[in-house]
N, C-alpha and C. Protein backbone atom coordinates (compact mmCIF):
# COMPACT_ATOMS: atom_id res chain seq x y z
N MET A 1 -24.17 4.64 50.47
CA MET A 1 -25.00 5.23 49.41
C MET A 1 -24.90 6.75 49.46
N SER A 2 -24.78 7.40 48.33
CA SER A 2 -24.73 8.85 48.28
C SER A 2 -26.09 9.43 48.64
N GLU A 3 -26.12 10.73 48.91
CA GLU A 3 -27.37 11.38 49.28
C GLU A 3 -28.39 11.24 48.15
N LEU A 4 -29.62 10.91 48.53
CA LEU A 4 -30.66 10.72 47.53
C LEU A 4 -31.03 12.03 46.86
N LEU A 5 -31.44 11.95 45.60
CA LEU A 5 -31.92 13.12 44.89
C LEU A 5 -33.16 13.67 45.58
N GLU A 6 -33.26 14.98 45.63
CA GLU A 6 -34.49 15.61 46.11
C GLU A 6 -35.62 15.26 45.15
N SER A 7 -36.77 14.89 45.71
CA SER A 7 -37.88 14.42 44.88
C SER A 7 -39.22 14.93 45.40
N ILE A 8 -40.17 14.98 44.50
CA ILE A 8 -41.58 15.18 44.87
C ILE A 8 -42.20 13.79 44.96
N GLU A 9 -43.03 13.57 45.97
CA GLU A 9 -43.71 12.30 46.11
C GLU A 9 -45.22 12.53 46.12
N ILE A 10 -45.92 11.73 45.34
CA ILE A 10 -47.37 11.81 45.25
C ILE A 10 -47.92 10.41 45.46
N GLY A 11 -48.86 10.27 46.38
CA GLY A 11 -49.46 8.97 46.61
C GLY A 11 -49.19 8.44 48.00
N PRO A 12 -49.38 7.15 48.21
CA PRO A 12 -49.26 6.57 49.56
C PRO A 12 -47.89 6.81 50.17
N LYS A 13 -47.86 7.02 51.47
CA LYS A 13 -46.62 7.27 52.19
C LYS A 13 -46.11 5.97 52.80
N GLY A 14 -44.83 5.99 53.19
CA GLY A 14 -44.24 4.88 53.91
C GLY A 14 -44.38 3.57 53.18
N ASP A 15 -44.83 2.53 53.92
CA ASP A 15 -44.95 1.20 53.33
C ASP A 15 -46.35 0.91 52.81
N ALA A 16 -47.18 1.96 52.66
CA ALA A 16 -48.56 1.77 52.20
C ALA A 16 -48.65 1.57 50.68
N ALA A 17 -47.63 1.98 49.95
CA ALA A 17 -47.66 1.86 48.49
C ALA A 17 -47.51 0.41 48.07
N LYS A 18 -48.28 -0.01 47.09
CA LYS A 18 -48.18 -1.36 46.53
C LYS A 18 -47.29 -1.39 45.29
N ALA A 19 -47.03 -0.24 44.72
CA ALA A 19 -46.17 -0.12 43.53
C ALA A 19 -45.63 1.30 43.49
N SER A 20 -44.59 1.50 42.69
CA SER A 20 -43.97 2.83 42.57
C SER A 20 -43.66 3.14 41.11
N VAL A 21 -43.78 4.42 40.77
CA VAL A 21 -43.38 4.93 39.46
C VAL A 21 -42.35 6.02 39.68
N ILE A 22 -41.18 5.86 39.12
CA ILE A 22 -40.13 6.89 39.17
C ILE A 22 -40.14 7.58 37.82
N TRP A 23 -40.50 8.88 37.82
CA TRP A 23 -40.76 9.63 36.58
C TRP A 23 -39.70 10.72 36.44
N LEU A 24 -38.90 10.64 35.39
CA LEU A 24 -37.73 11.50 35.20
C LEU A 24 -38.00 12.61 34.19
N HIS A 25 -37.72 13.84 34.58
CA HIS A 25 -38.00 15.01 33.74
C HIS A 25 -36.93 15.20 32.67
N GLY A 26 -37.17 16.18 31.81
CA GLY A 26 -36.25 16.49 30.73
C GLY A 26 -35.24 17.57 31.09
N LEU A 27 -34.38 17.90 30.15
CA LEU A 27 -33.32 18.88 30.33
C LEU A 27 -33.89 20.24 30.72
N GLY A 28 -33.32 20.83 31.79
CA GLY A 28 -33.70 22.17 32.21
C GLY A 28 -35.00 22.26 32.98
N ALA A 29 -35.69 21.15 33.13
CA ALA A 29 -36.94 21.13 33.91
C ALA A 29 -36.61 20.61 35.32
N ASP A 30 -37.62 20.18 36.05
CA ASP A 30 -37.41 19.53 37.34
C ASP A 30 -38.61 18.62 37.60
N GLY A 31 -38.68 18.05 38.78
CA GLY A 31 -39.74 17.11 39.08
C GLY A 31 -41.13 17.70 39.01
N HIS A 32 -41.23 19.02 39.14
CA HIS A 32 -42.55 19.67 39.06
C HIS A 32 -43.16 19.58 37.66
N ASP A 33 -42.32 19.30 36.66
CA ASP A 33 -42.77 19.34 35.28
C ASP A 33 -43.95 18.39 35.03
N PHE A 34 -43.92 17.22 35.65
CA PHE A 34 -44.99 16.24 35.45
C PHE A 34 -45.85 16.06 36.70
N GLU A 35 -45.74 16.98 37.64
CA GLU A 35 -46.50 16.88 38.89
C GLU A 35 -48.01 16.82 38.68
N PRO A 36 -48.59 17.49 37.66
CA PRO A 36 -50.04 17.40 37.49
C PRO A 36 -50.53 16.05 36.97
N ILE A 37 -49.63 15.18 36.48
CA ILE A 37 -50.07 13.97 35.79
C ILE A 37 -50.53 12.85 36.73
N PRO A 38 -49.79 12.48 37.78
CA PRO A 38 -50.19 11.33 38.59
C PRO A 38 -51.64 11.34 39.08
N PRO A 39 -52.19 12.49 39.53
CA PRO A 39 -53.58 12.45 39.99
C PRO A 39 -54.58 12.10 38.89
N LEU A 40 -54.19 12.24 37.62
CA LEU A 40 -55.08 11.94 36.51
C LEU A 40 -55.11 10.46 36.14
N LEU A 41 -54.20 9.67 36.70
CA LEU A 41 -53.99 8.30 36.23
C LEU A 41 -54.79 7.26 36.99
N ASP A 42 -55.47 7.64 38.06
CA ASP A 42 -56.33 6.73 38.81
C ASP A 42 -55.58 5.50 39.30
N LEU A 43 -54.47 5.76 39.97
CA LEU A 43 -53.66 4.69 40.56
C LEU A 43 -53.40 5.03 42.03
N PRO A 44 -54.43 4.95 42.87
CA PRO A 44 -54.31 5.43 44.26
C PRO A 44 -53.35 4.63 45.12
N HIS A 45 -53.04 3.40 44.72
CA HIS A 45 -52.13 2.57 45.51
C HIS A 45 -50.68 2.73 45.09
N VAL A 46 -50.43 3.60 44.11
CA VAL A 46 -49.08 3.76 43.55
C VAL A 46 -48.44 5.04 44.07
N ARG A 47 -47.17 4.94 44.48
CA ARG A 47 -46.40 6.13 44.86
C ARG A 47 -45.61 6.60 43.65
N PHE A 48 -45.79 7.86 43.29
CA PHE A 48 -45.04 8.48 42.20
C PHE A 48 -43.88 9.27 42.79
N ILE A 49 -42.68 9.00 42.28
CA ILE A 49 -41.46 9.69 42.70
C ILE A 49 -41.01 10.53 41.52
N LEU A 50 -40.96 11.85 41.70
CA LEU A 50 -40.56 12.78 40.64
C LEU A 50 -39.29 13.50 41.09
N PRO A 51 -38.13 12.91 40.81
CA PRO A 51 -36.87 13.50 41.30
C PRO A 51 -36.43 14.71 40.48
N HIS A 52 -35.61 15.54 41.14
CA HIS A 52 -34.95 16.66 40.45
C HIS A 52 -33.52 16.22 40.11
N ALA A 53 -33.14 16.31 38.86
CA ALA A 53 -31.76 16.00 38.47
C ALA A 53 -30.80 16.99 39.12
N ALA A 54 -29.54 16.60 39.21
CA ALA A 54 -28.52 17.51 39.72
C ALA A 54 -28.36 18.70 38.78
N ARG A 55 -27.85 19.81 39.32
CA ARG A 55 -27.54 20.98 38.49
C ARG A 55 -26.12 20.82 37.95
N ARG A 56 -25.96 21.06 36.64
CA ARG A 56 -24.64 20.95 36.03
C ARG A 56 -24.58 21.86 34.80
N PRO A 57 -23.38 22.28 34.41
CA PRO A 57 -23.25 23.08 33.18
C PRO A 57 -23.60 22.22 31.96
N VAL A 58 -24.30 22.83 31.00
CA VAL A 58 -24.67 22.11 29.78
C VAL A 58 -24.01 22.81 28.60
N THR A 59 -23.11 22.10 27.94
CA THR A 59 -22.27 22.68 26.91
C THR A 59 -23.08 23.31 25.79
N ILE A 60 -24.11 22.62 25.30
CA ILE A 60 -24.87 23.16 24.16
C ILE A 60 -25.67 24.40 24.53
N ASN A 61 -25.81 24.66 25.84
CA ASN A 61 -26.48 25.89 26.30
C ASN A 61 -25.46 26.88 26.85
N ASN A 62 -24.30 26.92 26.18
CA ASN A 62 -23.22 27.87 26.54
C ASN A 62 -22.74 27.69 27.97
N GLY A 63 -22.79 26.46 28.47
CA GLY A 63 -22.30 26.18 29.81
C GLY A 63 -23.21 26.63 30.92
N PHE A 64 -24.42 27.06 30.58
CA PHE A 64 -25.36 27.51 31.61
C PHE A 64 -25.69 26.35 32.54
N VAL A 65 -25.71 26.62 33.85
CA VAL A 65 -25.98 25.59 34.84
C VAL A 65 -27.48 25.40 34.97
N MET A 66 -27.93 24.16 34.82
CA MET A 66 -29.35 23.84 34.92
C MET A 66 -29.49 22.39 35.38
N ARG A 67 -30.70 22.03 35.68
CA ARG A 67 -30.93 20.62 36.04
C ARG A 67 -30.82 19.78 34.78
N ALA A 68 -29.95 18.80 34.84
CA ALA A 68 -29.71 17.95 33.67
C ALA A 68 -29.21 16.60 34.17
N TRP A 69 -29.64 15.55 33.51
CA TRP A 69 -29.15 14.22 33.88
C TRP A 69 -27.74 13.99 33.34
N TYR A 70 -27.37 14.73 32.29
CA TYR A 70 -26.01 14.63 31.76
C TYR A 70 -25.75 15.83 30.86
N ASP A 71 -24.47 16.15 30.71
CA ASP A 71 -24.07 17.23 29.80
C ASP A 71 -24.22 16.75 28.35
N ILE A 72 -24.68 17.64 27.49
CA ILE A 72 -24.73 17.38 26.06
C ILE A 72 -23.66 18.25 25.41
N LEU A 73 -22.73 17.59 24.75
CA LEU A 73 -21.53 18.28 24.25
C LEU A 73 -21.71 18.86 22.88
N SER A 74 -22.68 18.35 22.10
CA SER A 74 -22.84 18.77 20.72
C SER A 74 -24.29 18.62 20.30
N LEU A 75 -24.72 19.48 19.37
CA LEU A 75 -26.06 19.36 18.82
C LEU A 75 -26.16 18.24 17.80
N SER A 76 -25.04 17.78 17.31
CA SER A 76 -25.03 16.69 16.34
C SER A 76 -25.35 15.38 17.04
N PHE A 77 -26.06 14.50 16.35
CA PHE A 77 -26.33 13.17 16.90
C PHE A 77 -25.33 12.14 16.39
N GLU A 78 -24.20 12.61 15.89
CA GLU A 78 -23.14 11.72 15.45
C GLU A 78 -21.96 11.82 16.41
N GLY A 79 -21.27 10.69 16.61
CA GLY A 79 -20.11 10.68 17.49
C GLY A 79 -20.52 10.78 18.95
N VAL A 80 -19.56 11.12 19.81
CA VAL A 80 -19.80 11.23 21.25
C VAL A 80 -20.41 12.60 21.53
N ARG A 81 -21.64 12.63 22.01
CA ARG A 81 -22.30 13.91 22.28
C ARG A 81 -22.76 14.05 23.71
N GLU A 82 -22.67 12.99 24.52
CA GLU A 82 -23.08 13.06 25.92
C GLU A 82 -21.91 12.68 26.83
N SER A 83 -21.90 13.24 28.03
CA SER A 83 -20.87 12.94 29.01
C SER A 83 -21.15 11.58 29.64
N GLU A 84 -20.28 10.61 29.37
CA GLU A 84 -20.48 9.28 29.95
C GLU A 84 -20.40 9.31 31.48
N SER A 85 -19.49 10.13 32.03
CA SER A 85 -19.37 10.19 33.49
C SER A 85 -20.65 10.73 34.12
N ASP A 86 -21.29 11.71 33.47
CA ASP A 86 -22.57 12.23 33.97
C ASP A 86 -23.65 11.16 33.89
N ILE A 87 -23.68 10.41 32.79
CA ILE A 87 -24.68 9.35 32.63
C ILE A 87 -24.51 8.32 33.74
N ARG A 88 -23.28 7.92 33.99
CA ARG A 88 -23.02 6.93 35.04
C ARG A 88 -23.42 7.45 36.42
N ALA A 89 -23.14 8.73 36.67
CA ALA A 89 -23.50 9.31 37.97
C ALA A 89 -25.01 9.36 38.14
N SER A 90 -25.72 9.77 37.09
CA SER A 90 -27.17 9.81 37.16
C SER A 90 -27.76 8.41 37.26
N GLN A 91 -27.15 7.47 36.57
CA GLN A 91 -27.59 6.07 36.70
C GLN A 91 -27.53 5.63 38.16
N ALA A 92 -26.42 5.92 38.83
CA ALA A 92 -26.28 5.54 40.24
C ALA A 92 -27.33 6.23 41.11
N ALA A 93 -27.62 7.51 40.81
CA ALA A 93 -28.60 8.25 41.60
C ALA A 93 -30.01 7.68 41.42
N ILE A 94 -30.34 7.28 40.19
CA ILE A 94 -31.66 6.70 39.92
C ILE A 94 -31.76 5.31 40.54
N GLU A 95 -30.69 4.55 40.43
CA GLU A 95 -30.68 3.23 41.06
C GLU A 95 -30.85 3.34 42.57
N ALA A 96 -30.32 4.39 43.17
CA ALA A 96 -30.50 4.60 44.61
C ALA A 96 -31.97 4.84 44.95
N LEU A 97 -32.69 5.53 44.06
CA LEU A 97 -34.12 5.73 44.28
C LEU A 97 -34.88 4.41 44.17
N ILE A 98 -34.50 3.57 43.21
CA ILE A 98 -35.13 2.26 43.11
C ILE A 98 -34.88 1.45 44.38
N GLN A 99 -33.64 1.47 44.84
CA GLN A 99 -33.28 0.72 46.04
C GLN A 99 -34.06 1.23 47.25
N ARG A 100 -34.23 2.56 47.34
CA ARG A 100 -34.99 3.13 48.46
C ARG A 100 -36.43 2.64 48.44
N GLU A 101 -37.03 2.53 47.25
CA GLU A 101 -38.39 2.00 47.16
C GLU A 101 -38.44 0.55 47.62
N ARG A 102 -37.45 -0.23 47.26
CA ARG A 102 -37.38 -1.62 47.71
C ARG A 102 -37.31 -1.68 49.24
N GLU A 103 -36.52 -0.79 49.82
CA GLU A 103 -36.38 -0.76 51.28
C GLU A 103 -37.67 -0.32 51.96
N ARG A 104 -38.53 0.40 51.23
CA ARG A 104 -39.82 0.82 51.77
C ARG A 104 -40.92 -0.21 51.50
N GLY A 105 -40.52 -1.36 50.99
CA GLY A 105 -41.46 -2.45 50.86
C GLY A 105 -42.04 -2.68 49.48
N VAL A 106 -41.60 -1.92 48.47
CA VAL A 106 -42.08 -2.12 47.10
C VAL A 106 -41.06 -2.98 46.37
N PRO A 107 -41.43 -4.19 45.96
CA PRO A 107 -40.47 -5.04 45.25
C PRO A 107 -40.12 -4.46 43.89
N SER A 108 -38.95 -4.81 43.40
CA SER A 108 -38.49 -4.29 42.12
C SER A 108 -39.49 -4.56 41.01
N GLU A 109 -40.15 -5.72 41.02
CA GLU A 109 -41.08 -6.07 39.95
C GLU A 109 -42.39 -5.28 40.02
N LYS A 110 -42.50 -4.36 40.99
CA LYS A 110 -43.64 -3.45 41.08
C LYS A 110 -43.21 -2.00 40.89
N ILE A 111 -42.05 -1.80 40.29
CA ILE A 111 -41.52 -0.45 40.05
C ILE A 111 -41.44 -0.20 38.55
N VAL A 112 -41.96 0.94 38.11
CA VAL A 112 -41.90 1.35 36.71
C VAL A 112 -41.01 2.59 36.59
N LEU A 113 -40.16 2.62 35.58
CA LEU A 113 -39.38 3.81 35.24
C LEU A 113 -40.04 4.50 34.06
N VAL A 114 -40.27 5.81 34.20
CA VAL A 114 -40.84 6.64 33.14
C VAL A 114 -39.93 7.84 32.96
N GLY A 115 -39.73 8.28 31.73
CA GLY A 115 -38.94 9.48 31.54
C GLY A 115 -39.25 10.17 30.23
N PHE A 116 -39.06 11.49 30.23
CA PHE A 116 -39.27 12.31 29.04
C PHE A 116 -37.94 12.92 28.61
N SER A 117 -37.64 12.84 27.31
CA SER A 117 -36.45 13.46 26.73
C SER A 117 -35.19 12.91 27.42
N GLN A 118 -34.36 13.77 28.03
CA GLN A 118 -33.20 13.26 28.77
C GLN A 118 -33.63 12.24 29.81
N GLY A 119 -34.74 12.51 30.49
CA GLY A 119 -35.23 11.57 31.50
C GLY A 119 -35.63 10.25 30.88
N GLY A 120 -36.20 10.29 29.66
CA GLY A 120 -36.54 9.06 28.97
C GLY A 120 -35.30 8.26 28.58
N ALA A 121 -34.27 8.99 28.15
CA ALA A 121 -33.01 8.33 27.82
C ALA A 121 -32.43 7.64 29.05
N MET A 122 -32.54 8.29 30.21
CA MET A 122 -32.03 7.70 31.45
C MET A 122 -32.91 6.55 31.92
N ALA A 123 -34.23 6.66 31.78
CA ALA A 123 -35.11 5.56 32.16
C ALA A 123 -34.77 4.31 31.35
N LEU A 124 -34.52 4.50 30.06
CA LEU A 124 -34.15 3.38 29.19
C LEU A 124 -32.78 2.84 29.59
N HIS A 125 -31.84 3.72 29.80
CA HIS A 125 -30.48 3.32 30.17
C HIS A 125 -30.47 2.50 31.45
N VAL A 126 -31.13 3.00 32.48
CA VAL A 126 -31.14 2.31 33.77
C VAL A 126 -31.96 1.03 33.70
N GLY A 127 -33.12 1.11 33.05
CA GLY A 127 -33.99 -0.06 32.99
C GLY A 127 -33.35 -1.24 32.29
N LEU A 128 -32.54 -0.98 31.29
CA LEU A 128 -31.87 -2.05 30.57
C LEU A 128 -30.77 -2.71 31.40
N ARG A 129 -30.31 -2.01 32.45
CA ARG A 129 -29.16 -2.47 33.22
C ARG A 129 -29.50 -2.90 34.64
N TRP A 130 -30.68 -2.55 35.16
CA TRP A 130 -31.02 -2.87 36.54
C TRP A 130 -31.02 -4.39 36.74
N ALA A 131 -30.45 -4.84 37.85
CA ALA A 131 -30.17 -6.27 38.04
C ALA A 131 -31.36 -7.10 38.49
N GLU A 132 -32.50 -6.49 38.71
CA GLU A 132 -33.70 -7.22 39.09
C GLU A 132 -34.83 -6.87 38.13
N PRO A 133 -35.85 -7.73 38.01
CA PRO A 133 -36.96 -7.41 37.12
C PRO A 133 -37.70 -6.15 37.55
N LEU A 134 -38.05 -5.32 36.60
CA LEU A 134 -38.90 -4.15 36.83
C LEU A 134 -40.29 -4.44 36.25
N ALA A 135 -41.27 -3.62 36.66
CA ALA A 135 -42.63 -3.81 36.13
C ALA A 135 -42.77 -3.27 34.71
N GLY A 136 -42.01 -2.23 34.38
CA GLY A 136 -42.12 -1.64 33.06
C GLY A 136 -41.18 -0.46 32.89
N ILE A 137 -40.99 -0.06 31.64
CA ILE A 137 -40.13 1.07 31.29
C ILE A 137 -40.86 1.87 30.21
N VAL A 138 -41.01 3.19 30.43
CA VAL A 138 -41.72 4.07 29.50
C VAL A 138 -40.75 5.14 29.01
N VAL A 139 -40.58 5.22 27.69
CA VAL A 139 -39.59 6.09 27.08
C VAL A 139 -40.33 7.10 26.21
N LEU A 140 -40.32 8.38 26.61
CA LEU A 140 -41.09 9.42 25.95
C LEU A 140 -40.15 10.41 25.26
N SER A 141 -40.26 10.52 23.94
CA SER A 141 -39.48 11.51 23.17
C SER A 141 -38.00 11.44 23.51
N ALA A 142 -37.46 10.23 23.49
CA ALA A 142 -36.08 10.03 23.93
C ALA A 142 -35.34 9.11 22.97
N TYR A 143 -34.14 8.74 23.35
CA TYR A 143 -33.26 7.97 22.48
C TYR A 143 -32.34 7.11 23.34
N LEU A 144 -31.55 6.27 22.70
CA LEU A 144 -30.67 5.33 23.39
C LEU A 144 -29.32 5.96 23.67
N LEU A 145 -28.88 5.87 24.91
CA LEU A 145 -27.56 6.33 25.31
C LEU A 145 -26.58 5.16 25.29
N MET A 146 -25.35 5.42 24.91
CA MET A 146 -24.27 4.45 25.02
C MET A 146 -24.68 3.11 24.42
N GLY A 147 -25.28 3.17 23.23
CA GLY A 147 -25.76 1.95 22.60
C GLY A 147 -24.67 0.94 22.31
N ASP A 148 -23.44 1.41 22.14
CA ASP A 148 -22.34 0.48 21.85
C ASP A 148 -21.95 -0.34 23.08
N HIS A 149 -22.43 0.04 24.26
CA HIS A 149 -22.16 -0.72 25.48
C HIS A 149 -23.31 -1.65 25.86
N LEU A 150 -24.43 -1.54 25.17
CA LEU A 150 -25.64 -2.21 25.62
C LEU A 150 -25.51 -3.73 25.63
N ALA A 151 -24.96 -4.31 24.59
CA ALA A 151 -24.89 -5.77 24.52
C ALA A 151 -24.15 -6.36 25.70
N GLU A 152 -23.09 -5.67 26.16
CA GLU A 152 -22.28 -6.20 27.26
C GLU A 152 -22.86 -5.82 28.63
N GLU A 153 -23.65 -4.73 28.71
CA GLU A 153 -24.13 -4.25 30.00
C GLU A 153 -25.58 -4.59 30.30
N GLN A 154 -26.33 -5.06 29.32
CA GLN A 154 -27.74 -5.34 29.54
C GLN A 154 -27.94 -6.37 30.63
N SER A 155 -29.05 -6.24 31.36
CA SER A 155 -29.36 -7.16 32.44
C SER A 155 -30.31 -8.24 31.94
N PRO A 156 -29.93 -9.51 32.07
CA PRO A 156 -30.86 -10.59 31.70
C PRO A 156 -32.16 -10.53 32.49
N ALA A 157 -32.10 -9.96 33.71
CA ALA A 157 -33.29 -9.89 34.56
C ALA A 157 -34.39 -9.05 33.93
N ASN A 158 -34.01 -8.09 33.08
CA ASN A 158 -34.99 -7.20 32.48
C ASN A 158 -35.16 -7.40 30.98
N ALA A 159 -34.70 -8.53 30.47
CA ALA A 159 -34.79 -8.78 29.04
C ALA A 159 -36.23 -8.93 28.55
N SER A 160 -37.16 -9.25 29.46
CA SER A 160 -38.56 -9.38 29.06
C SER A 160 -39.48 -8.38 29.75
N THR A 161 -38.90 -7.36 30.37
CA THR A 161 -39.71 -6.30 31.00
C THR A 161 -40.43 -5.49 29.92
N PRO A 162 -41.75 -5.31 30.03
CA PRO A 162 -42.48 -4.55 29.01
C PRO A 162 -41.97 -3.11 28.87
N MET A 163 -41.97 -2.62 27.64
CA MET A 163 -41.55 -1.24 27.36
C MET A 163 -42.59 -0.55 26.49
N LEU A 164 -42.73 0.74 26.72
CA LEU A 164 -43.59 1.60 25.90
C LEU A 164 -42.75 2.77 25.41
N PHE A 165 -42.70 2.94 24.07
CA PHE A 165 -42.02 4.08 23.45
C PHE A 165 -43.08 4.99 22.83
N CYS A 166 -42.99 6.29 23.09
CA CYS A 166 -43.87 7.28 22.47
C CYS A 166 -43.03 8.45 21.96
N HIS A 167 -43.44 9.03 20.83
CA HIS A 167 -42.64 10.11 20.24
C HIS A 167 -43.50 10.99 19.35
N GLY A 168 -43.10 12.24 19.23
CA GLY A 168 -43.77 13.17 18.33
C GLY A 168 -43.17 13.12 16.94
N ARG A 169 -44.02 13.10 15.93
CA ARG A 169 -43.53 12.98 14.56
C ARG A 169 -42.78 14.23 14.09
N GLN A 170 -43.12 15.38 14.67
CA GLN A 170 -42.48 16.64 14.27
C GLN A 170 -41.49 17.13 15.33
N ASP A 171 -40.93 16.23 16.10
CA ASP A 171 -40.02 16.61 17.18
C ASP A 171 -38.74 17.21 16.60
N PRO A 172 -38.45 18.51 16.87
CA PRO A 172 -37.23 19.11 16.35
C PRO A 172 -36.03 18.94 17.29
N MET A 173 -36.29 18.56 18.55
CA MET A 173 -35.23 18.42 19.55
C MET A 173 -34.60 17.02 19.52
N VAL A 174 -35.45 16.01 19.53
CA VAL A 174 -35.01 14.62 19.42
C VAL A 174 -35.78 14.02 18.25
N PRO A 175 -35.23 14.06 17.05
CA PRO A 175 -35.96 13.57 15.88
C PRO A 175 -36.51 12.16 16.08
N MET A 176 -37.70 11.93 15.54
CA MET A 176 -38.38 10.66 15.79
C MET A 176 -37.56 9.46 15.36
N PHE A 177 -36.73 9.61 14.32
CA PHE A 177 -35.97 8.45 13.87
C PHE A 177 -35.05 7.93 14.96
N LEU A 178 -34.61 8.81 15.88
CA LEU A 178 -33.74 8.37 16.97
C LEU A 178 -34.52 7.53 17.99
N GLY A 179 -35.74 7.96 18.29
CA GLY A 179 -36.56 7.16 19.18
C GLY A 179 -36.89 5.80 18.60
N LYS A 180 -37.22 5.80 17.29
CA LYS A 180 -37.55 4.53 16.64
C LYS A 180 -36.31 3.64 16.54
N ALA A 181 -35.15 4.23 16.34
CA ALA A 181 -33.92 3.45 16.30
C ALA A 181 -33.65 2.79 17.65
N ALA A 182 -33.92 3.52 18.73
CA ALA A 182 -33.75 2.94 20.06
C ALA A 182 -34.69 1.76 20.25
N HIS A 183 -35.96 1.96 19.89
CA HIS A 183 -36.95 0.88 19.96
C HIS A 183 -36.48 -0.33 19.18
N ASP A 184 -36.02 -0.10 17.95
CA ASP A 184 -35.64 -1.20 17.07
C ASP A 184 -34.40 -1.93 17.59
N GLN A 185 -33.44 -1.19 18.14
CA GLN A 185 -32.22 -1.83 18.64
C GLN A 185 -32.53 -2.71 19.84
N VAL A 186 -33.38 -2.19 20.75
CA VAL A 186 -33.76 -2.99 21.92
C VAL A 186 -34.53 -4.24 21.47
N GLN A 187 -35.44 -4.06 20.54
CA GLN A 187 -36.25 -5.19 20.06
C GLN A 187 -35.37 -6.25 19.39
N ALA A 188 -34.39 -5.82 18.61
CA ALA A 188 -33.51 -6.77 17.94
C ALA A 188 -32.62 -7.51 18.93
N LEU A 189 -32.17 -6.81 19.96
CA LEU A 189 -31.28 -7.42 20.94
C LEU A 189 -32.03 -8.33 21.91
N GLN A 190 -33.28 -7.98 22.18
CA GLN A 190 -34.09 -8.72 23.16
C GLN A 190 -35.46 -9.03 22.55
N PRO A 191 -35.51 -9.96 21.59
CA PRO A 191 -36.75 -10.20 20.85
C PRO A 191 -37.89 -10.74 21.69
N GLU A 192 -37.60 -11.26 22.88
CA GLU A 192 -38.66 -11.78 23.74
C GLU A 192 -39.40 -10.67 24.51
N ARG A 193 -38.92 -9.45 24.42
CA ARG A 193 -39.50 -8.35 25.20
C ARG A 193 -40.83 -7.88 24.60
N PRO A 194 -41.89 -7.71 25.43
CA PRO A 194 -43.10 -7.03 24.96
C PRO A 194 -42.79 -5.53 24.82
N ILE A 195 -42.88 -5.01 23.62
CA ILE A 195 -42.46 -3.63 23.37
C ILE A 195 -43.44 -2.97 22.41
N SER A 196 -43.85 -1.75 22.73
CA SER A 196 -44.84 -1.03 21.93
C SER A 196 -44.28 0.31 21.48
N TRP A 197 -44.71 0.74 20.30
CA TRP A 197 -44.32 2.04 19.74
C TRP A 197 -45.57 2.82 19.34
N PHE A 198 -45.65 4.09 19.75
CA PHE A 198 -46.73 4.98 19.34
C PHE A 198 -46.11 6.32 18.97
N ASP A 199 -46.55 6.90 17.85
CA ASP A 199 -46.12 8.26 17.52
C ASP A 199 -47.34 9.13 17.27
N TYR A 200 -47.14 10.43 17.45
CA TYR A 200 -48.25 11.37 17.48
C TYR A 200 -47.91 12.62 16.68
N PRO A 201 -48.91 13.34 16.16
CA PRO A 201 -48.66 14.57 15.40
C PRO A 201 -48.35 15.74 16.34
N MET A 202 -47.16 15.73 16.93
CA MET A 202 -46.75 16.78 17.87
C MET A 202 -45.24 16.97 17.78
N GLN A 203 -44.75 17.99 18.47
CA GLN A 203 -43.31 18.25 18.51
C GLN A 203 -42.72 17.61 19.77
N HIS A 204 -41.83 18.31 20.47
CA HIS A 204 -41.17 17.75 21.66
C HIS A 204 -42.07 18.01 22.87
N ALA A 205 -43.06 17.16 23.04
CA ALA A 205 -44.10 17.45 24.02
C ALA A 205 -44.79 16.14 24.41
N VAL A 206 -45.84 16.29 25.21
CA VAL A 206 -46.71 15.17 25.59
C VAL A 206 -48.14 15.58 25.26
N CYS A 207 -48.91 14.68 24.66
CA CYS A 207 -50.27 15.00 24.25
C CYS A 207 -51.27 14.12 25.00
N PRO A 208 -52.56 14.50 25.03
CA PRO A 208 -53.56 13.71 25.76
C PRO A 208 -53.64 12.25 25.32
N GLU A 209 -53.54 12.01 24.01
CA GLU A 209 -53.60 10.63 23.52
C GLU A 209 -52.44 9.80 24.07
N GLU A 210 -51.28 10.43 24.16
CA GLU A 210 -50.11 9.75 24.71
C GLU A 210 -50.31 9.45 26.19
N LEU A 211 -50.83 10.42 26.93
CA LEU A 211 -51.09 10.19 28.36
C LEU A 211 -52.08 9.05 28.56
N ALA A 212 -53.06 8.94 27.68
CA ALA A 212 -54.02 7.84 27.77
C ALA A 212 -53.31 6.51 27.56
N GLU A 213 -52.35 6.47 26.64
CA GLU A 213 -51.60 5.23 26.40
C GLU A 213 -50.71 4.89 27.59
N ILE A 214 -50.09 5.92 28.18
CA ILE A 214 -49.28 5.70 29.38
C ILE A 214 -50.15 5.15 30.50
N ALA A 215 -51.34 5.71 30.67
CA ALA A 215 -52.25 5.23 31.72
C ALA A 215 -52.60 3.77 31.49
N ARG A 216 -52.90 3.40 30.24
CA ARG A 216 -53.22 2.00 29.94
C ARG A 216 -52.03 1.09 30.28
N PHE A 217 -50.83 1.54 29.93
CA PHE A 217 -49.65 0.74 30.20
C PHE A 217 -49.45 0.56 31.71
N LEU A 218 -49.56 1.64 32.46
CA LEU A 218 -49.34 1.55 33.91
C LEU A 218 -50.41 0.69 34.58
N HIS A 219 -51.66 0.82 34.14
CA HIS A 219 -52.71 -0.03 34.73
C HIS A 219 -52.46 -1.49 34.41
N ALA A 220 -51.95 -1.78 33.21
CA ALA A 220 -51.68 -3.16 32.85
C ALA A 220 -50.53 -3.75 33.67
N GLN A 221 -49.53 -2.93 33.97
CA GLN A 221 -48.34 -3.44 34.64
C GLN A 221 -48.44 -3.41 36.17
N ILE A 222 -49.06 -2.37 36.72
CA ILE A 222 -49.09 -2.26 38.19
C ILE A 222 -50.48 -1.92 38.73
N GLY A 223 -51.48 -1.85 37.83
CA GLY A 223 -52.83 -1.54 38.29
C GLY A 223 -53.54 -2.76 38.83
């Protein structure tokens, strides 16, 4: 196994955790971005893992090196705009974090993937492919990566794992229609899945009403 991503951990240590949430940040941020959130969710038995993505050049930002789960090659949402090799590498790194939680005594069915923006795209990507059942997948202001590969790569083990999609109606970075398209494609491909959609009067952000919905989802799945 490659070296694990550096992460912030909040909650029970060692084998004391009964469940785990792996929360993935957006482009140019790091694990500290959502560090204030876990203490607000009233889940004392849950370990929150907030990893830092690797640093890599990002083409749309003039090649500036920043924390990113994958390179974005174009501002257009048509054609190939993300680096597949970066996506695959980040997928392996996130899967290693899931495996580490399993080795620490948290079964896969007690692990939730959460992500915002790029992190949400990766949470969805990994969650659809992980070979064991997960407790849930939360996709915030994000979209579907490599959708043309999904039918062949999806994991039957997670075909009924609950999902929560949230998005801002005025999002200028990831337009809401992309998030809704991801929701709709997953729902059409896996109609047995419990899947929810919520949108809010905001831009590319997280709002209190959304956090309340995330809290309800997490309590339902691992509370």
